[in-house]
Amino acid sequence: MPQETLKQQLQQLHHTLQQHPDLDEESRELLQSIATDIANQPTDQASAHDLNDQVQQQAIRFEQQHPALSEVLKQILDTLNRIGV
């Protein structure tokens, strides 16, 4: 079940990115990279920890200017934690 939830959240992230053309290119590329890393789900503990840190940092970064994007990232982080990534 969490895998399906994660897939839906990744789709929501892509949709939200499309709705925010005002994001700078660096932010957009970083978020797309994070989405790719999540979809590939790291198998080793260090990579999983780095991914969690990246998602959390971006959620905090976008909290003020892009609250919808921040919320999606927080949901993804929660799901990753529930599945042990």
Protein backbone atom coordinates (compact mmCIF):
# COMPACT_ATOMS: atom_id res chain seq x y z
CA MET A 1 0.00 0.00 0.00
CA PRO A 2 2.71 2.58 0.83
CA GLN A 3 4.33 1.83 -2.55
CA GLU A 4 1.11 2.82 -4.33
CA THR A 5 0.81 5.91 -2.13
CA LEU A 6 4.37 6.87 -3.01
CA LYS A 7 3.66 6.45 -6.71
CA GLN A 8 0.61 8.72 -6.41
CA GLN A 9 2.64 11.31 -4.49
CA LEU A 10 5.34 11.31 -7.15
CA GLN A 11 2.67 11.93 -9.78
CA GLN A 12 1.36 14.76 -7.64
CA LEU A 13 4.89 16.19 -7.37
CA HIS A 14 5.26 16.17 -11.15
CA HIS A 15 1.84 17.80 -11.53
CA THR A 16 2.68 20.46 -8.94
CA LEU A 17 6.00 21.19 -10.67
CA GLN A 18 4.11 21.81 -13.90
CA GLN A 19 1.84 24.27 -12.09
CA HIS A 20 4.81 26.33 -10.87
CA PRO A 21 6.61 27.67 -13.92
CA ASP A 22 8.08 30.39 -11.68
CA LEU A 23 10.51 27.90 -10.11
CA ASP A 24 14.09 28.57 -11.04
CA GLU A 25 15.79 25.97 -13.21
CA GLU A 26 18.10 24.77 -10.41
CA SER A 27 15.15 24.08 -8.08
CA ARG A 28 13.19 22.34 -10.84
CA GLU A 29 16.16 20.10 -11.72
CA LEU A 30 16.80 19.26 -8.07
CA LEU A 31 13.18 18.30 -7.50
CA GLN A 32 13.11 16.19 -10.65
CA SER A 33 16.31 14.49 -9.50
CA ILE A 34 14.75 13.78 -6.11
CA ALA A 35 11.65 12.35 -7.81
CA THR A 36 13.87 10.05 -9.89
CA ASP A 37 15.81 8.94 -6.81
CA ILE A 38 12.56 8.21 -4.97
CA ALA A 39 11.19 6.23 -7.90
CA ASN A 40 14.40 4.15 -7.92
CA GLN A 41 14.27 3.71 -4.13
CA PRO A 42 17.81 3.43 -2.79
CA THR A 43 18.71 0.10 -1.31
CA ASP A 44 21.57 1.06 0.98
CA GLN A 45 21.03 2.91 4.25
CA ALA A 46 23.35 5.84 3.47
CA SER A 47 21.62 6.65 0.18
CA ALA A 48 18.20 6.37 1.80
CA HIS A 49 19.27 8.74 4.57
CA ASP A 50 20.66 11.24 2.02
CA LEU A 51 17.40 11.08 0.07
CA ASN A 52 15.35 11.75 3.19
CA ASP A 53 17.57 14.71 4.01
CA GLN A 54 17.20 16.13 0.49
CA VAL A 55 13.41 15.84 0.55
CA GLN A 56 13.22 17.44 3.99
CA GLN A 57 15.53 20.32 3.02
CA GLN A 58 13.49 21.06 -0.09
CA ALA A 59 10.21 20.94 1.83
CA ILE A 60 11.57 23.56 4.24
CA ARG A 61 13.04 25.62 1.40
CA PHE A 62 9.72 25.85 -0.47
CA GLU A 63 7.50 26.32 2.58
CA GLN A 64 7.09 30.09 2.20
CA GLN A 65 7.01 30.64 -1.55
CA HIS A 66 5.50 27.35 -2.72
CA PRO A 67 3.42 25.84 0.12
CA ALA A 68 1.66 23.33 -2.16
CA LEU A 69 5.00 21.97 -3.32
CA SER A 70 6.28 21.86 0.24
CA GLU A 71 3.21 19.90 1.33
CA VAL A 72 3.69 17.30 -1.40
CA LEU A 73 7.33 16.88 -0.37
CA LYS A 74 6.32 16.44 3.27
CA GLN A 75 3.81 13.76 2.29
CA ILE A 76 6.49 11.97 0.28
CA LEU A 77 8.89 12.16 3.22
CA ASP A 78 6.25 10.69 5.51
CA THR A 79 5.61 7.82 3.10
CA LEU A 80 9.34 7.15 2.71
CA ASN A 81 9.67 6.95 6.48
CA ARG A 82 6.74 4.51 6.69
CA ILE A 83 8.29 2.14 4.16
CA GLY A 84 11.68 2.33 5.82
CA VAL A 85 13.58 4.37 3.24
